[in-house]
Amino acid sequence: MKRNRRSGRGEPDVAGRQEAARALAIVALGFIASDTTELTRFLALTGIDPGSIRVAAKEPGFLAGVLAYIAGNEQTLLAFAAHADVAPEEIEKARIILTGADWERDTP
């Protein structure tokens, strides 16, 4: 259903979806940081120095990369999805939104 401009009902606008995707990615970053093993793996795979995470988080694409990292391991994906109380496919949708690509949902 398209958003009804007068009533404000329907799907969130693009800015709303982007903000929700950013919020989910920030929760994902916290999830990674809360587990020493996960954080060590994330840092090793990304090459980011622990002291540089805050600076890197301001770079375009970083938060999409956080979600890509989460989605790259099924065990991590399922654990984070349960932690964030979202369906696993929502993580990929959020990653796509953060990359600037449009997400087209399936229609019957």
PDB file of N, CA and C in Angstrom:
ATOM      1  N   MET A   1       0.843  -1.176   0.000  1.00  0.00           N
ATOM      2  CA  MET A   1       0.000   0.000   0.000  1.00  0.00           C
ATOM      3  C   MET A   1       0.883   1.233   0.000  1.00  0.00           C
ATOM      4  N   LYS A   2       0.607   2.149  -0.856  1.00  0.00           N
ATOM      5  CA  LYS A   2       1.368   3.390  -0.919  1.00  0.00           C
ATOM      6  C   LYS A   2       0.972   4.289   0.237  1.00  0.00           C
ATOM      7  N   ARG A   3       1.876   5.137   0.606  1.00  0.00           N
ATOM      8  CA  ARG A   3       1.621   6.065   1.698  1.00  0.00           C
ATOM      9  C   ARG A   3       0.581   7.080   1.268  1.00  0.00           C
ATOM     10  N   ASN A   4      -0.383   7.284   2.114  1.00  0.00           N
ATOM     11  CA  ASN A   4      -1.415   8.277   1.873  1.00  0.00           C
ATOM     12  C   ASN A   4      -0.915   9.582   2.468  1.00  0.00           C
ATOM     13  N   ARG A   5      -0.635  10.558   1.633  1.00  0.00           N
ATOM     14  CA  ARG A   5      -0.035  11.816   2.106  1.00  0.00           C
ATOM     15  C   ARG A   5      -0.931  12.564   3.072  1.00  0.00           C
ATOM     16  N   ARG A   6      -2.216  12.483   2.868  1.00  0.00           N
ATOM     17  CA  ARG A   6      -3.124  13.216   3.756  1.00  0.00           C
ATOM     18  C   ARG A   6      -3.239  12.570   5.119  1.00  0.00           C
ATOM     19  N   SER A   7      -3.351  11.264   5.147  1.00  0.00           N
ATOM     20  CA  SER A   7      -3.572  10.604   6.431  1.00  0.00           C
ATOM     21  C   SER A   7      -2.274  10.213   7.115  1.00  0.00           C
ATOM     22  N   GLY A   8      -1.187  10.114   6.322  1.00  0.00           N
ATOM     23  CA  GLY A   8       0.076   9.687   6.910  1.00  0.00           C
ATOM     24  C   GLY A   8       0.141   8.183   7.116  1.00  0.00           C
ATOM     25  N   ARG A   9      -0.880   7.457   6.639  1.00  0.00           N
ATOM     26  CA  ARG A   9      -0.895   6.004   6.795  1.00  0.00           C
ATOM     27  C   ARG A   9      -0.132   5.350   5.665  1.00  0.00           C
ATOM     28  N   GLY A  10       0.189   4.101   5.843  1.00  0.00           N
ATOM     29  CA  GLY A  10       0.887   3.354   4.813  1.00  0.00           C
ATOM     30  C   GLY A  10       2.340   3.163   5.178  1.00  0.00           C
ATOM     31  N   GLU A  11       3.149   2.876   4.185  1.00  0.00           N
ATOM     32  CA  GLU A  11       4.563   2.617   4.417  1.00  0.00           C
ATOM     33  C   GLU A  11       5.296   3.905   4.760  1.00  0.00           C
ATOM     34  N   PRO A  12       6.380   3.782   5.538  1.00  0.00           N
ATOM     35  CA  PRO A  12       7.178   4.972   5.839  1.00  0.00           C
ATOM     36  C   PRO A  12       7.813   5.516   4.564  1.00  0.00           C
ATOM     37  N   ASP A  13       8.080   6.795   4.557  1.00  0.00           N
ATOM     38  CA  ASP A  13       8.731   7.402   3.403  1.00  0.00           C
ATOM     39  C   ASP A  13      10.195   6.961   3.340  1.00  0.00           C
ATOM     40  N   VAL A  14      10.881   7.383   2.298  1.00  0.00           N
ATOM     41  CA  VAL A  14      12.268   6.984   2.088  1.00  0.00           C
ATOM     42  C   VAL A  14      13.128   7.374   3.288  1.00  0.00           C
ATOM     43  N   ALA A  15      12.968   8.587   3.766  1.00  0.00           N
ATOM     44  CA  ALA A  15      13.766   9.041   4.918  1.00  0.00           C
ATOM     45  C   ALA A  15      13.474   8.179   6.141  1.00  0.00           C
ATOM     46  N   GLY A  16      12.233   7.808   6.320  1.00  0.00           N
ATOM     47  CA  GLY A  16      11.863   6.958   7.448  1.00  0.00           C
ATOM     48  C   GLY A  16      12.479   5.574   7.345  1.00  0.00           C
ATOM     49  N   ARG A  17      12.493   5.021   6.136  1.00  0.00           N
ATOM     50  CA  ARG A  17      13.107   3.702   5.932  1.00  0.00           C
ATOM     51  C   ARG A  17      14.620   3.779   6.147  1.00  0.00           C
ATOM     52  N   GLN A  18      15.232   4.863   5.678  1.00  0.00           N
ATOM     53  CA  GLN A  18      16.675   5.023   5.865  1.00  0.00           C
ATOM     54  C   GLN A  18      17.011   5.156   7.349  1.00  0.00           C
ATOM     55  N   GLU A  19      16.217   5.909   8.058  1.00  0.00           N
ATOM     56  CA  GLU A  19      16.458   6.082   9.498  1.00  0.00           C
ATOM     57  C   GLU A  19      16.285   4.760  10.235  1.00  0.00           C
ATOM     58  N   ALA A  20      15.266   3.990   9.880  1.00  0.00           N
ATOM     59  CA  ALA A  20      15.054   2.681  10.502  1.00  0.00           C
ATOM     60  C   ALA A  20      16.215   1.739  10.179  1.00  0.00           C
ATOM     61  N   ALA A  21      16.708   1.795   8.950  1.00  0.00           N
ATOM     62  CA  ALA A  21      17.846   0.960   8.556  1.00  0.00           C
ATOM     63  C   ALA A  21      19.098   1.355   9.326  1.00  0.00           C
ATOM     64  N   ARG A  22      19.332   2.664   9.464  1.00  0.00           N
ATOM     65  CA  ARG A  22      20.487   3.148  10.259  1.00  0.00           C
ATOM     66  C   ARG A  22      20.368   2.688  11.710  1.00  0.00           C
ATOM     67  N   ALA A  23      19.170   2.798  12.257  1.00  0.00           N
ATOM     68  CA  ALA A  23      18.961   2.392  13.653  1.00  0.00           C
ATOM     69  C   ALA A  23      19.251   0.903  13.829  1.00  0.00           C
ATOM     70  N   LEU A  24      18.800   0.086  12.885  1.00  0.00           N
ATOM     71  CA  LEU A  24      19.067  -1.349  12.969  1.00  0.00           C
ATOM     72  C   LEU A  24      20.567  -1.621  12.862  1.00  0.00           C
ATOM     73  N   ALA A  25      21.256  -0.912  11.997  1.00  0.00           N
ATOM     74  CA  ALA A  25      22.701  -1.100  11.841  1.00  0.00           C
ATOM     75  C   ALA A  25      23.454  -0.681  13.104  1.00  0.00           C
ATOM     76  N   ILE A  26      22.988   0.353  13.754  1.00  0.00           N
ATOM     77  CA  ILE A  26      23.627   0.785  15.009  1.00  0.00           C
ATOM     78  C   ILE A  26      23.424  -0.271  16.089  1.00  0.00           C
ATOM     79  N   VAL A  27      22.231  -0.855  16.137  1.00  0.00           N
ATOM     80  CA  VAL A  27      21.981  -1.955  17.080  1.00  0.00           C
ATOM     81  C   VAL A  27      22.906  -3.123  16.735  1.00  0.00           C
ATOM     82  N   ALA A  28      23.083  -3.382  15.437  1.00  0.00           N
ATOM     83  CA  ALA A  28      23.972  -4.469  15.002  1.00  0.00           C
ATOM     84  C   ALA A  28      25.413  -4.211  15.438  1.00  0.00           C
ATOM     85  N   LEU A  29      25.858  -2.972  15.320  1.00  0.00           N
ATOM     86  CA  LEU A  29      27.209  -2.637  15.751  1.00  0.00           C
ATOM     87  C   LEU A  29      27.358  -2.859  17.261  1.00  0.00           C
ATOM     88  N   GLY A  30      26.356  -2.484  18.023  1.00  0.00           N
ATOM     89  CA  GLY A  30      26.374  -2.742  19.465  1.00  0.00           C
ATOM     90  C   GLY A  30      26.394  -4.228  19.776  1.00  0.00           C
ATOM     91  N   PHE A  31      25.642  -4.991  18.994  1.00  0.00           N
ATOM     92  CA  PHE A  31      25.602  -6.447  19.154  1.00  0.00           C
ATOM     93  C   PHE A  31      26.994  -7.030  18.925  1.00  0.00           C
ATOM     94  N   ILE A  32      27.648  -6.581  17.878  1.00  0.00           N
ATOM     95  CA  ILE A  32      29.003  -7.055  17.578  1.00  0.00           C
ATOM     96  C   ILE A  32      29.960  -6.669  18.702  1.00  0.00           C
ATOM     97  N   ALA A  33      29.876  -5.427  19.132  1.00  0.00           N
ATOM     98  CA  ALA A  33      30.795  -4.922  20.158  1.00  0.00           C
ATOM     99  C   ALA A  33      30.591  -5.601  21.510  1.00  0.00           C
ATOM    100  N   SER A  34      29.405  -6.133  21.752  1.00  0.00           N
ATOM    101  CA  SER A  34      29.112  -6.747  23.051  1.00  0.00           C
ATOM    102  C   SER A  34      29.692  -8.151  23.189  1.00  0.00           C
ATOM    103  N   ASP A  35      30.195  -8.707  22.114  1.00  0.00           N
ATOM    104  CA  ASP A  35      30.740 -10.071  22.135  1.00  0.00           C
ATOM    105  C   ASP A  35      32.197 -10.013  21.678  1.00  0.00           C
ATOM    106  N   THR A  36      33.106 -10.322  22.562  1.00  0.00           N
ATOM    107  CA  THR A  36      34.536 -10.207  22.262  1.00  0.00           C
ATOM    108  C   THR A  36      34.938 -11.030  21.038  1.00  0.00           C
ATOM    109  N   THR A  37      34.435 -12.228  20.932  1.00  0.00           N
ATOM    110  CA  THR A  37      34.774 -13.083  19.794  1.00  0.00           C
ATOM    111  C   THR A  37      34.256 -12.475  18.496  1.00  0.00           C
ATOM    112  N   GLU A  38      33.015 -12.003  18.528  1.00  0.00           N
ATOM    113  CA  GLU A  38      32.411 -11.396  17.337  1.00  0.00           C
ATOM    114  C   GLU A  38      33.147 -10.112  16.953  1.00  0.00           C
ATOM    115  N   LEU A  39      33.489  -9.311  17.946  1.00  0.00           N
ATOM    116  CA  LEU A  39      34.200  -8.062  17.687  1.00  0.00           C
ATOM    117  C   LEU A  39      35.578  -8.334  17.095  1.00  0.00           C
ATOM    118  N   THR A  40      36.274  -9.312  17.627  1.00  0.00           N
ATOM    119  CA  THR A  40      37.598  -9.670  17.109  1.00  0.00           C
ATOM    120  C   THR A  40      37.496 -10.108  15.653  1.00  0.00           C
ATOM    121  N   ARG A  41      36.490 -10.916  15.343  1.00  0.00           N
ATOM    122  CA  ARG A  41      36.282 -11.380  13.965  1.00  0.00           C
ATOM    123  C   ARG A  41      35.943 -10.197  13.048  1.00  0.00           C
ATOM    124  N   PHE A  42      35.061  -9.318  13.502  1.00  0.00           N
ATOM    125  CA  PHE A  42      34.659  -8.142  12.718  1.00  0.00           C
ATOM    126  C   PHE A  42      35.871  -7.264  12.415  1.00  0.00           C
ATOM    127  N   LEU A  43      36.664  -6.996  13.425  1.00  0.00           N
ATOM    128  CA  LEU A  43      37.851  -6.153  13.236  1.00  0.00           C
ATOM    129  C   LEU A  43      38.848  -6.804  12.286  1.00  0.00           C
ATOM    130  N   ALA A  44      39.026  -8.112  12.416  1.00  0.00           N
ATOM    131  CA  ALA A  44      39.962  -8.824  11.551  1.00  0.00           C
ATOM    132  C   ALA A  44      39.492  -8.800  10.092  1.00  0.00           C
ATOM    133  N   LEU A  45      38.201  -8.999   9.885  1.00  0.00           N
ATOM    134  CA  LEU A  45      37.678  -9.028   8.517  1.00  0.00           C
ATOM    135  C   LEU A  45      37.621  -7.653   7.874  1.00  0.00           C
ATOM    136  N   THR A  46      37.369  -6.630   8.667  1.00  0.00           N
ATOM    137  CA  THR A  46      37.248  -5.284   8.102  1.00  0.00           C
ATOM    138  C   THR A  46      38.575  -4.542   8.079  1.00  0.00           C
ATOM    139  N   GLY A  47      39.504  -4.946   8.928  1.00  0.00           N
ATOM    140  CA  GLY A  47      40.783  -4.253   8.999  1.00  0.00           C
ATOM    141  C   GLY A  47      40.706  -2.947   9.784  1.00  0.00           C
ATOM    142  N   ILE A  48      39.608  -2.732  10.462  1.00  0.00           N
ATOM    143  CA  ILE A  48      39.439  -1.504  11.245  1.00  0.00           C
ATOM    144  C   ILE A  48      40.100  -1.672  12.603  1.00  0.00           C
ATOM    145  N   ASP A  49      40.818  -0.656  13.013  1.00  0.00           N
ATOM    146  CA  ASP A  49      41.429  -0.610  14.336  1.00  0.00           C
ATOM    147  C   ASP A  49      40.331  -0.317  15.349  1.00  0.00           C
ATOM    148  N   PRO A  50      40.344  -0.968  16.522  1.00  0.00           N
ATOM    149  CA  PRO A  50      39.290  -0.728  17.513  1.00  0.00           C
ATOM    150  C   PRO A  50      39.083   0.757  17.848  1.00  0.00           C
ATOM    151  N   GLY A  51      40.163   1.510  17.861  1.00  0.00           N
ATOM    152  CA  GLY A  51      40.057   2.928  18.175  1.00  0.00           C
ATOM    153  C   GLY A  51      39.484   3.770  17.046  1.00  0.00           C
ATOM    154  N   SER A  52      39.341   3.173  15.880  1.00  0.00           N
ATOM    155  CA  SER A  52      38.857   3.907  14.713  1.00  0.00           C
ATOM    156  C   SER A  52      37.392   3.648  14.383  1.00  0.00           C
ATOM    157  N   ILE A  53      36.723   2.829  15.153  1.00  0.00           N
ATOM    158  CA  ILE A  53      35.342   2.463  14.831  1.00  0.00           C
ATOM    159  C   ILE A  53      34.431   3.682  14.810  1.00  0.00           C
ATOM    160  N   ARG A  54      34.569   4.565  15.780  1.00  0.00           N
ATOM    161  CA  ARG A  54      33.689   5.750  15.805  1.00  0.00           C
ATOM    162  C   ARG A  54      33.885   6.630  14.578  1.00  0.00           C
ATOM    163  N   VAL A  55      35.109   6.787  14.165  1.00  0.00           N
ATOM    164  CA  VAL A  55      35.393   7.582  12.964  1.00  0.00           C
ATOM    165  C   VAL A  55      34.860   6.857  11.731  1.00  0.00           C
ATOM    166  N   ALA A  56      35.111   5.559  11.654  1.00  0.00           N
ATOM    167  CA  ALA A  56      34.654   4.770  10.508  1.00  0.00           C
ATOM    168  C   ALA A  56      33.133   4.767  10.409  1.00  0.00           C
ATOM    169  N   ALA A  57      32.455   4.777  11.547  1.00  0.00           N
ATOM    170  CA  ALA A  57      30.994   4.730  11.555  1.00  0.00           C
ATOM    171  C   ALA A  57      30.373   5.943  10.873  1.00  0.00           C
ATOM    172  N   LYS A  58      31.132   7.022  10.747  1.00  0.00           N
ATOM    173  CA  LYS A  58      30.625   8.227  10.080  1.00  0.00           C
ATOM    174  C   LYS A  58      30.826   8.177   8.568  1.00  0.00           C
ATOM    175  N   GLU A  59      31.586   7.202   8.101  1.00  0.00           N
ATOM    176  CA  GLU A  59      31.870   7.080   6.676  1.00  0.00           C
ATOM    177  C   GLU A  59      30.681   6.469   5.941  1.00  0.00           C
ATOM    178  N   PRO A  60      30.422   6.968   4.736  1.00  0.00           N
ATOM    179  CA  PRO A  60      29.338   6.371   3.941  1.00  0.00           C
ATOM    180  C   PRO A  60      29.610   4.885   3.714  1.00  0.00           C
ATOM    181  N   GLY A  61      28.613   4.102   3.859  1.00  0.00           N
ATOM    182  CA  GLY A  61      28.734   2.680   3.604  1.00  0.00           C
ATOM    183  C   GLY A  61      29.131   1.842   4.796  1.00  0.00           C
ATOM    184  N   PHE A  62      29.623   2.459   5.861  1.00  0.00           N
ATOM    185  CA  PHE A  62      30.067   1.669   7.006  1.00  0.00           C
ATOM    186  C   PHE A  62      28.924   0.878   7.618  1.00  0.00           C
ATOM    187  N   LEU A  63      27.798   1.542   7.856  1.00  0.00           N
ATOM    188  CA  LEU A  63      26.683   0.849   8.505  1.00  0.00           C
ATOM    189  C   LEU A  63      26.120  -0.251   7.604  1.00  0.00           C
ATOM    190  N   ALA A  64      26.127  -0.035   6.298  1.00  0.00           N
ATOM    191  CA  ALA A  64      25.721  -1.102   5.372  1.00  0.00           C
ATOM    192  C   ALA A  64      26.700  -2.271   5.490  1.00  0.00           C
ATOM    193  N   GLY A  65      27.975  -1.957   5.670  1.00  0.00           N
ATOM    194  CA  GLY A  65      28.987  -2.991   5.853  1.00  0.00           C
ATOM    195  C   GLY A  65      28.787  -3.776   7.137  1.00  0.00           C
ATOM    196  N   VAL A  66      28.334  -3.099   8.178  1.00  0.00           N
ATOM    197  CA  VAL A  66      28.039  -3.786   9.442  1.00  0.00           C
ATOM    198  C   VAL A  66      26.933  -4.818   9.201  1.00  0.00           C
ATOM    199  N   LEU A  67      25.892  -4.416   8.487  1.00  0.00           N
ATOM    200  CA  LEU A  67      24.801  -5.350   8.212  1.00  0.00           C
ATOM    201  C   LEU A  67      25.248  -6.465   7.270  1.00  0.00           C
ATOM    202  N   ALA A  68      26.133  -6.152   6.326  1.00  0.00           N
ATOM    203  CA  ALA A  68      26.672  -7.190   5.442  1.00  0.00           C
ATOM    204  C   ALA A  68      27.475  -8.201   6.256  1.00  0.00           C
ATOM    205  N   TYR A  69      28.227  -7.721   7.226  1.00  0.00           N
ATOM    206  CA  TYR A  69      28.983  -8.612   8.105  1.00  0.00           C
ATOM    207  C   TYR A  69      28.023  -9.531   8.859  1.00  0.00           C
ATOM    208  N   ILE A  70      26.976  -8.957   9.429  1.00  0.00           N
ATOM    209  CA  ILE A  70      25.986  -9.745  10.179  1.00  0.00           C
ATOM    210  C   ILE A  70      25.382 -10.817   9.271  1.00  0.00           C
ATOM    211  N   ALA A  71      25.015 -10.431   8.063  1.00  0.00           N
ATOM    212  CA  ALA A  71      24.356 -11.350   7.132  1.00  0.00           C
ATOM    213  C   ALA A  71      25.317 -12.390   6.558  1.00  0.00           C
ATOM    214  N   GLY A  72      26.601 -12.162   6.671  1.00  0.00           N
ATOM    215  CA  GLY A  72      27.596 -13.044   6.071  1.00  0.00           C
ATOM    216  C   GLY A  72      27.831 -14.346   6.806  1.00  0.00           C
ATOM    217  N   ASN A  73      27.254 -14.486   7.974  1.00  0.00           N
ATOM    218  CA  ASN A  73      27.409 -15.707   8.752  1.00  0.00           C
ATOM    219  C   ASN A  73      26.035 -16.070   9.302  1.00  0.00           C
ATOM    220  N   GLU A  74      25.527 -17.227   8.910  1.00  0.00           N
ATOM    221  CA  GLU A  74      24.158 -17.592   9.282  1.00  0.00           C
ATOM    222  C   GLU A  74      23.947 -17.618  10.799  1.00  0.00           C
ATOM    223  N   GLN A  75      24.906 -18.118  11.530  1.00  0.00           N
ATOM    224  CA  GLN A  75      24.773 -18.171  12.988  1.00  0.00           C
ATOM    225  C   GLN A  75      24.686 -16.760  13.568  1.00  0.00           C
ATOM    226  N   THR A  76      25.541 -15.861  13.083  1.00  0.00           N
ATOM    227  CA  THR A  76      25.515 -14.470  13.539  1.00  0.00           C
ATOM    228  C   THR A  76      24.212 -13.803  13.121  1.00  0.00           C
ATOM    229  N   LEU A  77      23.787 -14.045  11.886  1.00  0.00           N
ATOM    230  CA  LEU A  77      22.541 -13.469  11.384  1.00  0.00           C
ATOM    231  C   LEU A  77      21.357 -13.878  12.257  1.00  0.00           C
ATOM    232  N   LEU A  78      21.232 -15.157  12.536  1.00  0.00           N
ATOM    233  CA  LEU A  78      20.099 -15.631  13.334  1.00  0.00           C
ATOM    234  C   LEU A  78      20.168 -15.127  14.772  1.00  0.00           C
ATOM    235  N   ALA A  79      21.374 -15.085  15.331  1.00  0.00           N
ATOM    236  CA  ALA A  79      21.526 -14.583  16.703  1.00  0.00           C
ATOM    237  C   ALA A  79      21.168 -13.099  16.776  1.00  0.00           C
ATOM    238  N   PHE A  80      21.631 -12.326  15.788  1.00  0.00           N
ATOM    239  CA  PHE A  80      21.307 -10.900  15.803  1.00  0.00           C
ATOM    240  C   PHE A  80      19.831 -10.665  15.548  1.00  0.00           C
ATOM    241  N   ALA A  81      19.247 -11.402  14.613  1.00  0.00           N
ATOM    242  CA  ALA A  81      17.820 -11.244  14.328  1.00  0.00           C
ATOM    243  C   ALA A  81      16.997 -11.506  15.586  1.00  0.00           C
ATOM    244  N   ALA A  82      17.356 -12.529  16.336  1.00  0.00           N
ATOM    245  CA  ALA A  82      16.655 -12.814  17.593  1.00  0.00           C
ATOM    246  C   ALA A  82      16.888 -11.692  18.597  1.00  0.00           C
ATOM    247  N   HIS A  83      18.119 -11.215  18.679  1.00  0.00           N
ATOM    248  CA  HIS A  83      18.467 -10.131  19.595  1.00  0.00           C
ATOM    249  C   HIS A  83      17.673  -8.859  19.291  1.00  0.00           C
ATOM    250  N   ALA A  84      17.571  -8.526  17.998  1.00  0.00           N
ATOM    251  CA  ALA A  84      16.903  -7.294  17.573  1.00  0.00           C
ATOM    252  C   ALA A  84      15.400  -7.487  17.379  1.00  0.00           C
ATOM    253  N   ASP A  85      14.945  -8.737  17.520  1.00  0.00           N
ATOM    254  CA  ASP A  85      13.537  -9.072  17.351  1.00  0.00           C
ATOM    255  C   ASP A  85      13.026  -8.663  15.971  1.00  0.00           C
ATOM    256  N   VAL A  86      13.801  -9.033  14.947  1.00  0.00           N
ATOM    257  CA  VAL A  86      13.418  -8.791  13.558  1.00  0.00           C
ATOM    258  C   VAL A  86      13.580 -10.091  12.775  1.00  0.00           C
ATOM    259  N   ALA A  87      12.873 -10.191  11.665  1.00  0.00           N
ATOM    260  CA  ALA A  87      13.053 -11.338  10.775  1.00  0.00           C
ATOM    261  C   ALA A  87      14.417 -11.205  10.102  1.00  0.00           C
ATOM    262  N   PRO A  88      15.119 -12.308   9.894  1.00  0.00           N
ATOM    263  CA  PRO A  88      16.445 -12.226   9.271  1.00  0.00           C
ATOM    264  C   PRO A  88      16.457 -11.475   7.939  1.00  0.00           C
ATOM    265  N   GLU A  89      15.406 -11.599   7.143  1.00  0.00           N
ATOM    266  CA  GLU A  89      15.387 -10.913   5.848  1.00  0.00           C
ATOM    267  C   GLU A  89      15.325  -9.395   5.992  1.00  0.00           C
ATOM    268  N   GLU A  90      14.876  -8.895   7.125  1.00  0.00           N
ATOM    269  CA  GLU A  90      14.840  -7.452   7.362  1.00  0.00           C
ATOM    270  C   GLU A  90      16.245  -6.860   7.420  1.00  0.00           C
ATOM    271  N   ILE A  91      17.201  -7.667   7.809  1.00  0.00           N
ATOM    272  CA  ILE A  91      18.584  -7.193   7.886  1.00  0.00           C
ATOM    273  C   ILE A  91      19.127  -6.917   6.487  1.00  0.00           C
ATOM    274  N   GLU A  92      18.834  -7.799   5.554  1.00  0.00           N
ATOM    275  CA  GLU A  92      19.270  -7.582   4.175  1.00  0.00           C
ATOM    276  C   GLU A  92      18.529  -6.403   3.550  1.00  0.00           C
ATOM    277  N   LYS A  93      17.264  -6.261   3.843  1.00  0.00           N
ATOM    278  CA  LYS A  93      16.503  -5.120   3.334  1.00  0.00           C
ATOM    279  C   LYS A  93      17.128  -3.814   3.833  1.00  0.00           C
ATOM    280  N   ALA A  94      17.481  -3.780   5.108  1.00  0.00           N
ATOM    281  CA  ALA A  94      18.093  -2.582   5.685  1.00  0.00           C
ATOM    282  C   ALA A  94      19.448  -2.301   5.041  1.00  0.00           C
ATOM    283  N   ARG A  95      20.215  -3.355   4.782  1.00  0.00           N
ATOM    284  CA  ARG A  95      21.517  -3.169   4.137  1.00  0.00           C
ATOM    285  C   ARG A  95      21.347  -2.549   2.753  1.00  0.00           C
ATOM    286  N   ILE A  96      20.385  -3.031   2.014  1.00  0.00           N
ATOM    287  CA  ILE A  96      20.131  -2.512   0.664  1.00  0.00           C
ATOM    288  C   ILE A  96      19.714  -1.044   0.738  1.00  0.00           C
ATOM    289  N   ILE A  97      18.870  -0.708   1.679  1.00  0.00           N
ATOM    290  CA  ILE A  97      18.443   0.688   1.852  1.00  0.00           C
ATOM    291  C   ILE A  97      19.647   1.578   2.148  1.00  0.00           C
ATOM    292  N   LEU A  98      20.537   1.108   3.007  1.00  0.00           N
ATOM    293  CA  LEU A  98      21.708   1.913   3.370  1.00  0.00           C
ATOM    294  C   LEU A  98      22.695   2.076   2.219  1.00  0.00           C
ATOM    295  N   THR A  99      22.675   1.168   1.266  1.00  0.00           N
ATOM    296  CA  THR A  99      23.567   1.311   0.112  1.00  0.00           C
ATOM    297  C   THR A  99      22.982   2.274  -0.909  1.00  0.00           C
ATOM    298  N   GLY A 100      21.739   2.686  -0.695  1.00  0.00           N
ATOM    299  CA  GLY A 100      21.104   3.618  -1.608  1.00  0.00           C
ATOM    300  C   GLY A 100      20.292   2.950  -2.690  1.00  0.00           C
ATOM    301  N   ALA A 101      20.266   1.641  -2.689  1.00  0.00           N
ATOM    302  CA  ALA A 101      19.467   0.922  -3.677  1.00  0.00           C
ATOM    303  C   ALA A 101      18.022   0.851  -3.185  1.00  0.00           C
ATOM    304  N   ASP A 102      17.118   0.798  -4.107  1.00  0.00           N
ATOM    305  CA  ASP A 102      15.715   0.653  -3.743  1.00  0.00           C
ATOM    306  C   ASP A 102      15.412  -0.809  -3.470  1.00  0.00           C
ATOM    307  N   TRP A 103      14.615  -1.034  -2.459  1.00  0.00           N
ATOM    308  CA  TRP A 103      14.158  -2.383  -2.151  1.00  0.00           C
ATOM    309  C   TRP A 103      12.760  -2.525  -2.705  1.00  0.00           C
ATOM    310  N   GLU A 104      12.581  -3.483  -3.582  1.00  0.00           N
ATOM    311  CA  GLU A 104      11.242  -3.735  -4.106  1.00  0.00           C
ATOM    312  C   GLU A 104      10.721  -4.966  -3.402  1.00  0.00           C
ATOM    313  N   ARG A 105       9.651  -4.800  -2.663  1.00  0.00           N
ATOM    314  CA  ARG A 105       9.135  -5.958  -1.958  1.00  0.00           C
ATOM    315  C   ARG A 105       8.313  -6.805  -2.912  1.00  0.00           C
ATOM    316  N   ASP A 106       8.193  -8.047  -2.555  1.00  0.00           N
ATOM    317  CA  ASP A 106       7.425  -8.961  -3.380  1.00  0.00           C
ATOM    318  C   ASP A 106       5.958  -8.561  -3.346  1.00  0.00           C
ATOM    319  N   THR A 107       5.344  -8.592  -4.493  1.00  0.00           N
ATOM    320  CA  THR A 107       3.919  -8.303  -4.557  1.00  0.00           C
ATOM    321  C   THR A 107       3.197  -9.532  -5.084  1.00  0.00           C
ATOM    322  N   PRO A 108       2.012  -9.771  -4.596  1.00  0.00           N
ATOM    323  CA  PRO A 108       1.290 -10.982  -5.033  1.00  0.00           C
ATOM    324  C   PRO A 108       0.906 -10.913  -6.498  1.00  0.00           C
TER     325      PRO A 108
END
